């Protein structure tokens, strides 16, 4: 049974925020000159009263317009991932299903997928649909930490704050041969799962009350390890998929990845021997979009005519401090 990624629709909140916004808050930071934190020209921030479910609903509007409300509401499977859940005790799957008018048989929230969550969602949707769980699935991802975590008064002055941006996306997957998912590879590197931490001064658990505002606990040593892992893992899963579908990475029509920074984008492109015009990114417009990066860039490539009927697009990403990575190939059949 062939399962396809039929379409993707995206949403970027608010007007673009330029680099000067962070420059005026910049403070002394030992990591200020690190390659990991060279800021994009622009990024978007979620509004103060905008929830992750709001963002997903706004992203889904494009699918509703092109495929009809009944197609979206009638999906059998809903897979969601939210960078910063609106409620810490549960994900946004139930609220998202209700907002989109869905009564799906399967509602699954992914937390371990991180920046590779859209690829992970494709793998899961493909497995479920091909095993008879239904005919259609939605993959909904929301990155909403930039305007909330990274814009806190004592965090926005740090080098790390200027890189993330917010956005959301919804993908439509169905039993169809229109745009077949050719292969998916995911890998878990559990030994690195504890390397992404929250730093708070004075120290406390994330849920305990206190005066310090939390951010990601970066150090020079951690950054060196993350760079090494990311540089290795994304090419590894990409080559694994290409090998199984019989295409050299250099012959791919388009490569779409997550976009933590310009260094990774360059290194991945060079590892796959691809020219810049075949690796799409929106880093200078949107910053690091975490899980939303792949679908936002895919949507941009489709809208700009960079992905034609019959083209093979490879999507790949790694997550967190390198505890998860995934790649997926699709032969695009057009909207």
Protein backbone atom coordinates (compact mmCIF):
# COMPACT_ATOMS: atom_id res chain seq x y z
CA UNK A 1 0.00 0.00 0.00
CA UNK A 2 1.49 3.34 -1.10
CA UNK A 3 1.32 6.28 1.29
CA UNK A 4 1.97 9.84 0.10
CA UNK A 5 2.71 13.26 1.51
CA UNK A 6 0.05 15.14 -0.45
CA UNK A 7 0.50 18.68 0.79
CA UNK A 8 1.83 20.95 3.51
CA UNK A 9 0.61 24.32 4.76
CA UNK A 10 2.39 26.70 7.12
CA UNK A 11 1.99 29.76 9.32
CA UNK A 12 4.43 32.39 10.55
CA UNK A 13 3.14 34.63 13.36
CA UNK A 14 3.34 38.42 13.33
CA UNK A 15 5.63 40.77 11.47
CA UNK A 16 9.32 39.88 11.05
CA UNK A 17 11.58 40.94 13.91
CA UNK A 18 15.02 42.07 12.77
CA UNK A 19 18.41 41.49 14.37
CA UNK A 20 18.50 45.02 15.82
CA UNK A 21 15.80 44.00 18.28
CA UNK A 22 18.27 41.69 20.03
CA UNK A 23 21.30 43.89 19.47
CA UNK A 24 19.87 46.53 21.77
CA UNK A 25 19.53 43.98 24.59
CA UNK A 26 22.90 42.29 24.00
CA UNK A 27 24.97 41.84 27.11
CA UNK A 28 28.31 40.28 27.97
CA UNK A 29 28.13 36.62 26.97
CA UNK A 30 31.06 34.20 26.73
CA UNK A 31 29.31 32.53 23.77
CA UNK A 32 28.59 35.75 21.87
CA UNK A 33 31.13 34.99 19.10
CA UNK A 34 30.38 31.28 18.79
CA UNK A 35 29.44 30.14 15.28
CA UNK A 36 26.39 28.40 16.75
CA UNK A 37 24.76 31.74 17.57
CA UNK A 38 25.29 33.95 14.54
CA UNK A 39 21.90 35.59 14.28
CA UNK A 40 19.57 35.53 11.26
CA UNK A 41 18.46 38.85 9.79
CA UNK A 42 14.83 38.21 10.77
CA UNK A 43 12.57 35.86 12.68
CA UNK A 44 8.93 35.72 13.85
CA UNK A 45 7.54 35.63 17.39
CA UNK A 46 4.33 34.08 18.63
CA UNK A 47 1.95 36.69 20.06
CA UNK A 48 1.60 36.86 23.88
CA UNK A 49 -1.92 35.44 23.82
CA UNK A 50 -1.39 33.01 20.91
CA UNK A 51 -1.40 29.31 21.78
CA UNK A 52 0.27 26.44 19.94
CA UNK A 53 -3.19 25.19 18.95
CA UNK A 54 -3.99 28.64 17.52
CA UNK A 55 -0.85 28.42 15.40
CA UNK A 56 -1.67 24.94 14.10
CA UNK A 57 -5.22 25.99 13.23
CA UNK A 58 -3.88 28.95 11.26
CA UNK A 59 -1.38 26.72 9.47
CA UNK A 60 -4.13 24.21 8.60
CA UNK A 61 -6.14 26.93 6.83
CA UNK A 62 -4.09 26.39 3.67
CA UNK A 63 -4.99 22.70 3.60
CA UNK A 64 -8.65 23.47 4.21
CA UNK A 65 -8.61 25.93 1.31
CA UNK A 66 -7.00 23.46 -1.10
CA UNK A 67 -8.56 20.16 0.03
CA UNK A 68 -11.79 21.11 1.79
CA UNK A 69 -12.87 21.07 5.41
CA UNK A 70 -14.24 17.53 5.14
CA UNK A 71 -10.82 16.12 4.18
CA UNK A 72 -9.15 17.71 7.19
CA UNK A 73 -11.93 16.99 9.66
CA UNK A 74 -12.22 13.41 8.40
CA UNK A 75 -8.57 12.45 8.88
CA UNK A 76 -8.19 9.14 10.72
CA UNK A 77 -4.86 9.96 12.39
CA UNK A 78 -3.57 13.14 14.04
CA UNK A 79 0.12 13.37 14.98
CA UNK A 80 1.27 16.50 16.80
CA UNK A 81 4.47 17.99 18.15
CA UNK A 82 4.77 21.24 20.12
CA UNK A 83 8.08 22.75 21.18
CA UNK A 84 6.50 24.42 24.21
CA UNK A 85 3.18 22.72 25.12
CA UNK A 86 0.39 25.03 26.23
CA UNK A 87 -0.18 22.69 29.17
CA UNK A 88 2.78 20.75 30.67
CA UNK A 89 0.85 17.63 31.68
CA UNK A 90 -0.34 16.74 28.18
CA UNK A 91 0.35 17.60 24.57
CA UNK A 92 -1.92 19.51 22.24
CA UNK A 93 -3.39 16.56 20.34
CA UNK A 94 -6.85 16.58 21.86
CA UNK A 95 -7.32 20.35 21.66
CA UNK A 96 -5.99 20.39 18.09
CA UNK A 97 -8.39 17.64 17.02
CA UNK A 98 -11.31 19.57 18.50
CA UNK A 99 -10.25 22.87 16.92
CA UNK A 100 -9.96 21.27 13.46
CA UNK A 101 -13.33 19.52 13.81
CA UNK A 102 -11.71 16.07 13.85
CA UNK A 103 -12.77 12.80 15.48
CA UNK A 104 -9.69 10.73 14.65
CA UNK A 105 -9.19 7.13 15.72
CA UNK A 106 -5.55 7.92 16.55
CA UNK A 107 -4.23 11.00 18.35
CA UNK A 108 -0.50 10.87 19.06
CA UNK A 109 1.76 13.53 20.59
CA UNK A 110 5.46 13.28 19.79
CA UNK A 111 7.93 14.82 22.21
CA UNK A 112 11.18 13.02 21.45
CA UNK A 113 11.25 13.95 17.76
CA UNK A 114 12.40 17.53 18.33
CA UNK A 115 13.63 19.21 15.15
CA UNK A 116 13.09 15.91 13.30
CA UNK A 117 9.47 15.55 14.46
CA UNK A 118 7.96 16.14 11.00
CA UNK A 119 10.05 13.29 9.57
CA UNK A 120 9.17 11.12 12.57
CA UNK A 121 5.50 11.97 12.01
CA UNK A 122 5.77 10.90 8.36
CA UNK A 123 7.25 7.58 9.41
CA UNK A 124 4.53 6.97 11.97
CA UNK A 125 1.71 8.06 9.63
CA UNK A 126 3.07 5.83 6.86
CA UNK A 127 3.24 2.84 9.19
CA UNK A 128 -0.25 3.36 10.56
CA UNK A 129 -1.96 3.97 7.22
CA UNK A 130 -0.18 1.11 5.45
CA UNK A 131 -1.28 -1.24 8.23
CA UNK A 132 -4.93 -0.31 7.78
CA UNK A 133 -5.41 2.28 10.55
CA UNK A 134 -7.15 4.65 8.14
CA UNK A 135 -6.87 6.53 4.86
CA UNK A 136 -5.59 9.98 5.86
CA UNK A 137 -3.39 11.52 8.54
CA UNK A 138 -2.42 15.02 9.63
CA UNK A 139 1.03 15.89 11.00
CA UNK A 140 0.90 19.16 12.95
CA UNK A 141 3.99 20.84 14.41
CA UNK A 142 4.36 24.12 16.29
CA UNK A 143 7.52 25.97 17.31
CA UNK A 144 6.55 28.63 19.82
CA UNK A 145 9.55 29.00 22.14
CA UNK A 146 11.20 32.02 20.47
CA UNK A 147 8.64 34.58 21.57
CA UNK A 148 8.16 32.98 24.99
CA UNK A 149 11.31 31.32 26.36
CA UNK A 150 13.91 33.28 24.38
CA UNK A 151 12.24 36.67 24.73
CA UNK A 152 12.23 36.69 28.53
CA UNK A 153 13.98 39.81 29.89
CA UNK A 154 17.03 38.00 31.30
CA UNK A 155 17.25 35.56 28.36
CA UNK A 156 16.94 37.92 25.39
CA UNK A 157 20.32 39.41 26.24
CA UNK A 158 22.04 36.06 25.65
CA UNK A 159 23.60 35.07 22.33
CA UNK A 160 21.29 32.05 22.00
CA UNK A 161 18.14 34.22 22.08
CA UNK A 162 18.60 35.84 18.67
CA UNK A 163 18.60 32.58 16.69
CA UNK A 164 15.16 30.91 17.19
CA UNK A 165 11.99 31.91 15.37
CA UNK A 166 8.38 30.74 15.68
CA UNK A 167 6.16 29.02 13.13
CA UNK A 168 3.77 26.13 12.57
CA UNK A 169 2.94 23.63 9.84
CA UNK A 170 0.45 20.90 9.01
CA UNK A 171 1.14 18.09 6.55
CA UNK A 172 -1.50 15.93 4.83
CA UNK A 173 -0.59 12.26 4.41
CA UNK A 174 -2.86 9.75 2.67
CA UNK A 175 -3.11 6.35 1.08
CA UNK A 176 -2.29 7.48 -2.45
CA UNK A 177 0.38 7.12 -5.12
CA UNK A 178 0.45 10.83 -5.97
CA UNK A 179 3.55 11.84 -3.95
CA UNK A 180 4.83 8.58 -2.48
CA UNK A 181 6.96 8.49 0.63
CA UNK A 182 9.82 6.43 -0.78
CA UNK A 183 11.64 5.65 2.44
CA UNK A 184 12.13 6.90 6.00
CA UNK A 185 15.03 6.38 8.38
CA UNK A 186 15.01 7.40 12.05
CA UNK A 187 17.64 6.72 14.68
CA UNK A 188 17.65 7.24 18.43
CA UNK A 189 20.91 8.08 20.20
CA UNK A 190 19.73 7.67 23.77
CA UNK A 191 23.17 8.16 25.23
CA UNK A 192 22.88 11.87 24.41
CA UNK A 193 19.36 12.38 25.79
CA UNK A 194 20.55 14.05 28.99
CA UNK A 195 22.83 16.56 27.29
CA UNK A 196 20.13 19.17 26.64
CA UNK A 197 19.40 20.96 29.89
CA UNK A 198 17.60 24.02 31.23
CA UNK A 199 19.80 26.57 32.97
CA UNK A 200 18.28 28.69 35.74
CA UNK A 201 20.02 31.08 38.15
CA UNK A 202 19.62 30.35 41.01
CA UNK A 203 19.35 26.62 40.15
CA UNK A 204 15.98 24.89 40.53
CA UNK A 205 13.82 22.34 38.75
CA UNK A 206 11.89 23.79 35.83
CA UNK A 207 8.55 23.45 37.62
CA UNK A 208 9.63 24.98 40.94
CA UNK A 209 8.81 28.63 41.68
CA UNK A 210 11.72 31.05 41.68
CA UNK A 211 13.14 34.29 40.38
CA UNK A 212 15.44 33.01 37.62
CA UNK A 213 14.26 32.65 34.02
CA UNK A 214 15.15 29.40 32.27
CA UNK A 215 17.07 29.03 29.02
CA UNK A 216 19.04 26.26 27.30
CA UNK A 217 22.17 25.31 29.21
CA UNK A 218 24.88 25.83 26.59
CA UNK A 219 28.61 25.60 27.28
CA UNK A 220 31.58 25.56 24.89
CA UNK A 221 32.02 21.86 25.54
CA UNK A 222 28.36 21.06 24.86
CA UNK A 223 28.36 23.12 21.68
CA UNK A 224 31.43 21.29 20.37
CA UNK A 225 29.71 17.95 20.97
CA UNK A 226 26.42 19.04 19.38
CA UNK A 227 28.21 20.36 16.29
CA UNK A 228 30.07 17.08 15.88
CA UNK A 229 26.91 15.00 16.33
CA UNK A 230 24.77 17.08 13.99
CA UNK A 231 27.45 17.14 11.31
CA UNK A 232 27.59 13.34 11.46
CA UNK A 233 23.97 12.29 12.08
CA UNK A 234 22.14 14.18 9.33
CA UNK A 235 24.41 12.87 6.55
CA UNK A 236 24.23 9.36 8.07
CA UNK A 237 20.44 9.11 7.92
CA UNK A 238 20.37 10.91 4.56
CA UNK A 239 22.83 8.48 2.98
CA UNK A 240 20.91 5.53 4.45
CA UNK A 241 17.69 6.64 2.75
CA UNK A 242 19.41 7.47 -0.54
CA UNK A 243 21.11 4.09 -0.58
CA UNK A 244 17.82 2.24 -0.15
CA UNK A 245 15.97 4.19 -2.84
CA UNK A 246 18.90 3.97 -5.26
CA UNK A 247 19.72 7.67 -5.63
CA UNK A 248 23.07 9.32 -4.99
CA UNK A 249 22.70 12.31 -2.63
CA UNK A 250 24.33 14.50 -5.28
CA UNK A 251 21.50 13.58 -7.67
CA UNK A 252 18.67 14.67 -5.37
CA UNK A 253 16.42 17.33 -6.86
CA UNK A 254 15.99 19.09 -3.52
CA UNK A 255 17.26 18.80 0.03
CA UNK A 256 15.28 20.23 2.95
CA UNK A 257 16.65 20.20 6.50
CA UNK A 258 16.15 21.80 9.85
CA UNK A 259 18.14 25.01 10.17
CA UNK A 260 19.87 25.47 13.55
CA UNK A 261 22.48 27.80 12.06
CA UNK A 262 24.42 28.58 8.88
CA UNK A 263 27.29 26.26 9.84
CA UNK A 264 25.13 23.16 9.82
CA UNK A 265 23.41 24.20 6.59
CA UNK A 266 26.77 24.56 4.82
CA UNK A 267 28.27 21.39 6.25
CA UNK A 268 25.26 19.22 5.40
CA UNK A 269 25.13 20.56 1.86
CA UNK A 270 28.81 19.84 1.37
CA UNK A 271 28.48 16.35 2.88
CA UNK A 272 25.75 15.52 0.36
CA UNK A 273 27.67 17.21 -2.48
CA UNK A 274 24.77 19.50 -3.33
CA UNK A 275 24.91 23.03 -4.75
CA UNK A 276 23.21 25.81 -2.72
CA UNK A 277 20.31 26.08 -5.18
CA UNK A 278 19.22 22.52 -4.32
CA UNK A 279 19.24 23.04 -0.54
CA UNK A 280 16.37 25.26 0.48
CA UNK A 281 16.41 27.21 3.75
CA UNK A 282 14.73 30.26 5.24
CA UNK A 283 17.24 30.85 8.02
CA UNK A 284 17.74 34.57 7.38
CA UNK A 285 13.98 35.11 7.17
CA UNK A 286 12.81 32.86 9.98
CA UNK A 287 15.77 31.76 12.10
CA UNK A 288 15.89 28.33 13.73
CA UNK A 289 12.35 26.99 13.39
CA UNK A 290 13.07 23.70 15.17
CA UNK A 291 10.45 21.10 14.09
CA UNK A 292 8.67 23.60 11.82
CA UNK A 293 11.84 24.16 9.77
CA UNK A 294 11.41 21.24 7.36
CA UNK A 295 7.71 21.80 6.50
CA UNK A 296 8.10 25.59 6.28
CA UNK A 297 11.00 25.20 3.86
CA UNK A 298 9.20 22.51 1.89
CA UNK A 299 6.14 24.74 1.56
CA UNK A 300 8.35 27.61 0.42
CA UNK A 301 10.06 25.43 -2.18
CA UNK A 302 6.73 24.23 -3.57
CA UNK A 303 5.27 27.73 -3.70
CA UNK A 304 8.41 29.12 -5.38
CA UNK A 305 8.43 26.41 -8.04
CA UNK A 306 11.68 24.85 -6.85
CA UNK A 307 10.07 21.41 -6.54
CA UNK A 308 8.53 20.03 -9.73
CA UNK A 309 6.38 17.00 -10.51
CA UNK A 310 8.48 13.85 -10.34
CA UNK A 311 11.29 15.46 -8.35
CA UNK A 312 12.75 13.60 -5.38
CA UNK A 313 13.05 15.68 -2.22
CA UNK A 314 14.99 14.49 0.81
CA UNK A 315 14.07 15.86 4.24
CA UNK A 316 16.50 15.36 7.13
CA UNK A 317 17.12 16.70 10.64
CA UNK A 318 18.62 15.94 14.02
CA UNK A 319 17.11 16.83 17.37
CA UNK A 320 18.08 18.41 20.67
CA UNK A 321 21.72 17.68 21.57
CA UNK A 322 21.83 14.80 19.09
CA UNK A 323 19.56 12.18 20.69
CA UNK A 324 17.40 11.66 17.58
CA UNK A 325 17.75 12.03 13.81
CA UNK A 326 15.65 11.21 10.79
CA UNK A 327 15.43 11.47 7.01
CA UNK A 328 12.60 10.87 4.54
CA UNK A 329 12.43 10.89 0.75
CA UNK A 330 9.33 11.80 -1.28
CA UNK A 331 8.78 11.73 -5.03
CA UNK A 332 6.73 14.88 -5.41
CA UNK A 333 3.60 14.69 -7.56
CA UNK A 334 2.46 18.28 -7.29
CA UNK A 335 -0.33 19.87 -5.34
